[in-house]
């Protein structure tokens, strides 16, 4: 279980670091990605982008 926690944390750090780069390719702006402002802060829920990136990761994992 500790390994999964490390993997999830590393994936979140990697994704947060790559967010600006991925936005150039359209991730974060797909239909199903929500952006709203609440409590004086901008919030993003990239649901569709997460699904697409998960499918790409699964494809890469299957090929390896």
PDB file of N, CA and C in Angstrom:
ATOM      1  N   UNK A   1       0.824  -1.190   0.000  1.00  0.00           N
ATOM      2  CA  UNK A   1       0.000   0.000   0.000  1.00  0.00           C
ATOM      3  C   UNK A   1       0.869   1.255   0.000  1.00  0.00           C
ATOM      4  N   UNK A   2       2.002   1.195   0.665  1.00  0.00           N
ATOM      5  CA  UNK A   2       2.893   2.343   0.718  1.00  0.00           C
ATOM      6  C   UNK A   2       3.445   2.678  -0.672  1.00  0.00           C
ATOM      7  N   UNK A   3       3.704   1.641  -1.473  1.00  0.00           N
ATOM      8  CA  UNK A   3       4.183   1.868  -2.839  1.00  0.00           C
ATOM      9  C   UNK A   3       3.154   2.603  -3.676  1.00  0.00           C
ATOM     10  N   UNK A   4       1.881   2.240  -3.533  1.00  0.00           N
ATOM     11  CA  UNK A   4       0.835   2.914  -4.296  1.00  0.00           C
ATOM     12  C   UNK A   4       0.719   4.374  -3.900  1.00  0.00           C
ATOM     13  N   UNK A   5       0.891   4.657  -2.630  1.00  0.00           N
ATOM     14  CA  UNK A   5       0.845   6.038  -2.167  1.00  0.00           C
ATOM     15  C   UNK A   5       1.983   6.847  -2.792  1.00  0.00           C
ATOM     16  N   UNK A   6       3.158   6.253  -2.851  1.00  0.00           N
ATOM     17  CA  UNK A   6       4.294   6.930  -3.471  1.00  0.00           C
ATOM     18  C   UNK A   6       4.040   7.148  -4.960  1.00  0.00           C
ATOM     19  N   UNK A   7       3.494   6.154  -5.637  1.00  0.00           N
ATOM     20  CA  UNK A   7       3.207   6.279  -7.067  1.00  0.00           C
ATOM     21  C   UNK A   7       2.173   7.373  -7.315  1.00  0.00           C
ATOM     22  N   UNK A   8       1.139   7.424  -6.525  1.00  0.00           N
ATOM     23  CA  UNK A   8       0.100   8.444  -6.702  1.00  0.00           C
ATOM     24  C   UNK A   8       0.664   9.835  -6.455  1.00  0.00           C
ATOM     25  N   UNK A   9       1.451   9.995  -5.411  1.00  0.00           N
ATOM     26  CA  UNK A   9       2.047  11.304  -5.121  1.00  0.00           C
ATOM     27  C   UNK A   9       2.986  11.731  -6.236  1.00  0.00           C
ATOM     28  N   UNK A  10       3.819  10.821  -6.724  1.00  0.00           N
ATOM     29  CA  UNK A  10       4.723  11.148  -7.822  1.00  0.00           C
ATOM     30  C   UNK A  10       3.955  11.488  -9.101  1.00  0.00           C
ATOM     31  N   UNK A  11       2.876  10.772  -9.368  1.00  0.00           N
ATOM     32  CA  UNK A  11       2.056  11.071 -10.546  1.00  0.00           C
ATOM     33  C   UNK A  11       1.413  12.448 -10.426  1.00  0.00           C
ATOM     34  N   UNK A  12       0.917  12.796  -9.252  1.00  0.00           N
ATOM     35  CA  UNK A  12       0.315  14.117  -9.056  1.00  0.00           C
ATOM     36  C   UNK A  12       1.341  15.233  -9.201  1.00  0.00           C
ATOM     37  N   UNK A  13       2.537  15.026  -8.683  1.00  0.00           N
ATOM     38  CA  UNK A  13       3.595  16.031  -8.826  1.00  0.00           C
ATOM     39  C   UNK A  13       3.982  16.177 -10.288  1.00  0.00           C
ATOM     40  N   UNK A  14       4.117  15.074 -10.982  1.00  0.00           N
ATOM     41  CA  UNK A  14       4.460  15.101 -12.401  1.00  0.00           C
ATOM     42  C   UNK A  14       3.386  15.808 -13.214  1.00  0.00           C
ATOM     43  N   UNK A  15       2.131  15.478 -12.959  1.00  0.00           N
ATOM     44  CA  UNK A  15       1.036  16.092 -13.709  1.00  0.00           C
ATOM     45  C   UNK A  15       0.912  17.584 -13.417  1.00  0.00           C
ATOM     46  N   UNK A  16       1.116  17.983 -12.177  1.00  0.00           N
ATOM     47  CA  UNK A  16       1.029  19.409 -11.863  1.00  0.00           C
ATOM     48  C   UNK A  16       2.179  20.170 -12.515  1.00  0.00           C
ATOM     49  N   UNK A  17       3.327  19.540 -12.639  1.00  0.00           N
ATOM     50  CA  UNK A  17       4.447  20.178 -13.307  1.00  0.00           C
ATOM     51  C   UNK A  17       4.283  20.264 -14.814  1.00  0.00           C
ATOM     52  N   UNK A  18       3.575  19.315 -15.376  1.00  0.00           N
ATOM     53  CA  UNK A  18       3.378  19.281 -16.830  1.00  0.00           C
ATOM     54  C   UNK A  18       2.089  19.959 -17.292  1.00  0.00           C
ATOM     55  N   UNK A  19       1.331  20.548 -16.387  1.00  0.00           N
ATOM     56  CA  UNK A  19       0.034  21.118 -16.736  1.00  0.00           C
ATOM     57  C   UNK A  19       0.160  22.203 -17.799  1.00  0.00           C
ATOM     58  N   UNK A  20       1.092  23.131 -17.627  1.00  0.00           N
ATOM     59  CA  UNK A  20       1.247  24.217 -18.599  1.00  0.00           C
ATOM     60  C   UNK A  20       1.642  23.671 -19.970  1.00  0.00           C
ATOM     61  N   UNK A  21       2.514  22.672 -19.986  1.00  0.00           N
ATOM     62  CA  UNK A  21       2.942  22.087 -21.250  1.00  0.00           C
ATOM     63  C   UNK A  21       1.793  21.342 -21.928  1.00  0.00           C
ATOM     64  N   UNK A  22       0.992  20.596 -21.147  1.00  0.00           N
ATOM     65  CA  UNK A  22      -0.127  19.838 -21.709  1.00  0.00           C
ATOM     66  C   UNK A  22      -1.250  20.746 -22.206  1.00  0.00           C
ATOM     67  N   UNK A  23      -1.419  21.924 -21.600  1.00  0.00           N
ATOM     68  CA  UNK A  23      -2.464  22.846 -22.046  1.00  0.00           C
ATOM     69  C   UNK A  23      -2.197  23.337 -23.463  1.00  0.00           C
ATOM     70  N   UNK A  24      -0.925  23.385 -23.873  1.00  0.00           N
ATOM     71  CA  UNK A  24      -0.613  23.781 -25.251  1.00  0.00           C
ATOM     72  C   UNK A  24      -1.166  22.783 -26.262  1.00  0.00           C
ATOM     73  N   UNK A  25      -1.320  21.534 -25.839  1.00  0.00           N
ATOM     74  CA  UNK A  25      -1.839  20.490 -26.721  1.00  0.00           C
ATOM     75  C   UNK A  25      -3.341  20.288 -26.577  1.00  0.00           C
ATOM     76  N   UNK A  26      -4.000  21.104 -25.762  1.00  0.00           N
ATOM     77  CA  UNK A  26      -5.448  21.034 -25.643  1.00  0.00           C
ATOM     78  C   UNK A  26      -5.957  20.319 -24.408  1.00  0.00           C
ATOM     79  N   UNK A  27      -5.077  19.693 -23.650  1.00  0.00           N
ATOM     80  CA  UNK A  27      -5.529  19.031 -22.427  1.00  0.00           C
ATOM     81  C   UNK A  27      -5.921  20.097 -21.411  1.00  0.00           C
ATOM     82  N   UNK A  28      -7.037  19.875 -20.756  1.00  0.00           N
ATOM     83  CA  UNK A  28      -7.564  20.868 -19.825  1.00  0.00           C
ATOM     84  C   UNK A  28      -8.610  21.750 -20.464  1.00  0.00           C
ATOM     85  N   UNK A  29      -8.747  21.645 -21.778  1.00  0.00           N
ATOM     86  CA  UNK A  29      -9.746  22.424 -22.498  1.00  0.00           C
ATOM     87  C   UNK A  29     -10.673  21.532 -23.324  1.00  0.00           C
ATOM     88  N   UNK A  30     -10.703  20.261 -23.010  1.00  0.00           N
ATOM     89  CA  UNK A  30     -11.584  19.335 -23.717  1.00  0.00           C
ATOM     90  C   UNK A  30     -13.013  19.464 -23.190  1.00  0.00           C
ATOM     91  N   UNK A  31     -14.011  19.039 -23.984  1.00  0.00           N
ATOM     92  CA  UNK A  31     -15.368  19.000 -23.438  1.00  0.00           C
ATOM     93  C   UNK A  31     -15.403  18.024 -22.261  1.00  0.00           C
ATOM     94  N   UNK A  32     -15.898  18.457 -21.150  1.00  0.00           N
ATOM     95  CA  UNK A  32     -15.904  17.632 -19.948  1.00  0.00           C
ATOM     96  C   UNK A  32     -14.883  18.096 -18.932  1.00  0.00           C
ATOM     97  N   UNK A  33     -14.077  19.084 -19.295  1.00  0.00           N
ATOM     98  CA  UNK A  33     -13.147  19.714 -18.361  1.00  0.00           C
ATOM     99  C   UNK A  33     -13.813  20.984 -17.842  1.00  0.00           C
ATOM    100  N   UNK A  34     -13.928  21.085 -16.542  1.00  0.00           N
ATOM    101  CA  UNK A  34     -14.658  22.195 -15.947  1.00  0.00           C
ATOM    102  C   UNK A  34     -13.707  23.163 -15.257  1.00  0.00           C
ATOM    103  N   UNK A  35     -13.953  24.446 -15.458  1.00  0.00           N
ATOM    104  CA  UNK A  35     -13.230  25.502 -14.752  1.00  0.00           C
ATOM    105  C   UNK A  35     -14.261  26.434 -14.146  1.00  0.00           C
ATOM    106  N   UNK A  36     -14.066  26.765 -12.885  1.00  0.00           N
ATOM    107  CA  UNK A  36     -14.972  27.704 -12.240  1.00  0.00           C
ATOM    108  C   UNK A  36     -14.229  28.475 -11.163  1.00  0.00           C
ATOM    109  N   UNK A  37     -14.833  29.569 -10.734  1.00  0.00           N
ATOM    110  CA  UNK A  37     -14.231  30.417  -9.714  1.00  0.00           C
ATOM    111  C   UNK A  37     -15.094  30.335  -8.463  1.00  0.00           C
ATOM    112  N   UNK A  38     -14.483  29.994  -7.340  1.00  0.00           N
ATOM    113  CA  UNK A  38     -15.190  29.909  -6.063  1.00  0.00           C
ATOM    114  C   UNK A  38     -14.240  30.329  -4.949  1.00  0.00           C
ATOM    115  N   UNK A  39     -14.760  31.061  -4.015  1.00  0.00           N
ATOM    116  CA  UNK A  39     -13.985  31.514  -2.848  1.00  0.00           C
ATOM    117  C   UNK A  39     -12.755  32.316  -3.261  1.00  0.00           C
ATOM    118  N   UNK A  40     -12.872  33.074  -4.367  1.00  0.00           N
ATOM    119  CA  UNK A  40     -11.765  33.910  -4.819  1.00  0.00           C
ATOM    120  C   UNK A  40     -10.621  33.145  -5.455  1.00  0.00           C
ATOM    121  N   UNK A  41     -10.876  31.929  -5.864  1.00  0.00           N
ATOM    122  CA  UNK A  41      -9.824  31.089  -6.442  1.00  0.00           C
ATOM    123  C   UNK A  41     -10.360  30.374  -7.669  1.00  0.00           C
ATOM    124  N   UNK A  42      -9.506  30.159  -8.657  1.00  0.00           N
ATOM    125  CA  UNK A  42      -9.892  29.409  -9.854  1.00  0.00           C
ATOM    126  C   UNK A  42      -9.697  27.926  -9.597  1.00  0.00           C
ATOM    127  N   UNK A  43     -10.718  27.150  -9.902  1.00  0.00           N
ATOM    128  CA  UNK A  43     -10.678  25.697  -9.704  1.00  0.00           C
ATOM    129  C   UNK A  43     -10.814  25.021 -11.056  1.00  0.00           C
ATOM    130  N   UNK A  44     -10.114  23.918 -11.235  1.00  0.00           N
ATOM    131  CA  UNK A  44     -10.171  23.154 -12.469  1.00  0.00           C
ATOM    132  C   UNK A  44     -10.476  21.702 -12.144  1.00  0.00           C
ATOM    133  N   UNK A  45     -11.393  21.129 -12.900  1.00  0.00           N
ATOM    134  CA  UNK A  45     -11.702  19.705 -12.800  1.00  0.00           C
ATOM    135  C   UNK A  45     -11.534  19.098 -14.196  1.00  0.00           C
ATOM    136  N   UNK A  46     -10.335  18.664 -14.548  1.00  0.00           N
ATOM    137  CA  UNK A  46     -10.076  18.132 -15.896  1.00  0.00           C
ATOM    138  C   UNK A  46     -10.484  16.665 -16.019  1.00  0.00           C
ATOM    139  N   UNK A  47     -11.767  16.404 -16.019  1.00  0.00           N
ATOM    140  CA  UNK A  47     -12.265  15.029 -16.035  1.00  0.00           C
ATOM    141  C   UNK A  47     -11.964  14.349 -17.369  1.00  0.00           C
ATOM    142  N   UNK A  48     -12.305  14.994 -18.473  1.00  0.00           N
ATOM    143  CA  UNK A  48     -12.086  14.387 -19.788  1.00  0.00           C
ATOM    144  C   UNK A  48     -10.597  14.222 -20.077  1.00  0.00           C
ATOM    145  N   UNK A  49      -9.797  15.208 -19.705  1.00  0.00           N
ATOM    146  CA  UNK A  49      -8.348  15.104 -19.925  1.00  0.00           C
ATOM    147  C   UNK A  49      -7.762  13.963 -19.108  1.00  0.00           C
ATOM    148  N   UNK A  50      -8.262  13.755 -17.906  1.00  0.00           N
ATOM    149  CA  UNK A  50      -7.785  12.662 -17.066  1.00  0.00           C
ATOM    150  C   UNK A  50      -8.093  11.317 -17.698  1.00  0.00           C
ATOM    151  N   UNK A  51      -9.272  11.183 -18.270  1.00  0.00           N
ATOM    152  CA  UNK A  51      -9.649   9.932 -18.928  1.00  0.00           C
ATOM    153  C   UNK A  51      -8.751   9.678 -20.140  1.00  0.00           C
ATOM    154  N   UNK A  52      -8.503  10.716 -20.933  1.00  0.00           N
ATOM    155  CA  UNK A  52      -7.651  10.556 -22.117  1.00  0.00           C
ATOM    156  C   UNK A  52      -6.229  10.190 -21.712  1.00  0.00           C
ATOM    157  N   UNK A  53      -5.683  10.887 -20.719  1.00  0.00           N
ATOM    158  CA  UNK A  53      -4.319  10.576 -20.275  1.00  0.00           C
ATOM    159  C   UNK A  53      -4.233   9.186 -19.652  1.00  0.00           C
ATOM    160  N   UNK A  54      -5.284   8.743 -18.986  1.00  0.00           N
ATOM    161  CA  UNK A  54      -5.298   7.394 -18.421  1.00  0.00           C
ATOM    162  C   UNK A  54      -5.299   6.341 -19.519  1.00  0.00           C
ATOM    163  N   UNK A  55      -6.053   6.590 -20.573  1.00  0.00           N
ATOM    164  CA  UNK A  55      -6.064   5.644 -21.693  1.00  0.00           C
ATOM    165  C   UNK A  55      -4.703   5.589 -22.384  1.00  0.00           C
ATOM    166  N   UNK A  56      -4.049   6.732 -22.523  1.00  0.00           N
ATOM    167  CA  UNK A  56      -2.713   6.761 -23.121  1.00  0.00           C
ATOM    168  C   UNK A  56      -1.722   6.012 -22.242  1.00  0.00           C
ATOM    169  N   UNK A  57      -1.794   6.225 -20.930  1.00  0.00           N
ATOM    170  CA  UNK A  57      -0.897   5.528 -19.997  1.00  0.00           C
ATOM    171  C   UNK A  57      -1.146   4.024 -20.031  1.00  0.00           C
ATOM    172  N   UNK A  58      -2.402   3.603 -20.131  1.00  0.00           N
ATOM    173  CA  UNK A  58      -2.722   2.179 -20.204  1.00  0.00           C
ATOM    174  C   UNK A  58      -2.199   1.570 -21.503  1.00  0.00           C
ATOM    175  N   UNK A  59      -2.283   2.315 -22.591  1.00  0.00           N
ATOM    176  CA  UNK A  59      -1.765   1.836 -23.867  1.00  0.00           C
ATOM    177  C   UNK A  59      -0.253   1.676 -23.806  1.00  0.00           C
ATOM    178  N   UNK A  60       0.437   2.652 -23.238  1.00  0.00           N
ATOM    179  CA  UNK A  60       1.892   2.571 -23.114  1.00  0.00           C
ATOM    180  C   UNK A  60       2.283   1.394 -22.210  1.00  0.00           C
ATOM    181  N   UNK A  61       1.557   1.230 -21.112  1.00  0.00           N
ATOM    182  CA  UNK A  61       1.849   0.121 -20.196  1.00  0.00           C
ATOM    183  C   UNK A  61       1.629  -1.233 -20.866  1.00  0.00           C
ATOM    184  N   UNK A  62       0.604  -1.328 -21.700  1.00  0.00           N
ATOM    185  CA  UNK A  62       0.337  -2.592 -22.391  1.00  0.00           C
ATOM    186  C   UNK A  62       1.425  -2.881 -23.431  1.00  0.00           C
ATOM    187  N   UNK A  63       1.919  -1.838 -24.075  1.00  0.00           N
ATOM    188  CA  UNK A  63       2.970  -2.033 -25.083  1.00  0.00           C
ATOM    189  C   UNK A  63       4.304  -2.423 -24.457  1.00  0.00           C
ATOM    190  N   UNK A  64       4.515  -1.974 -23.225  1.00  0.00           N
ATOM    191  CA  UNK A  64       5.772  -2.348 -22.549  1.00  0.00           C
ATOM    192  C   UNK A  64       5.630  -3.738 -22.003  1.00  0.00           C
TER     193      UNK A  64
END
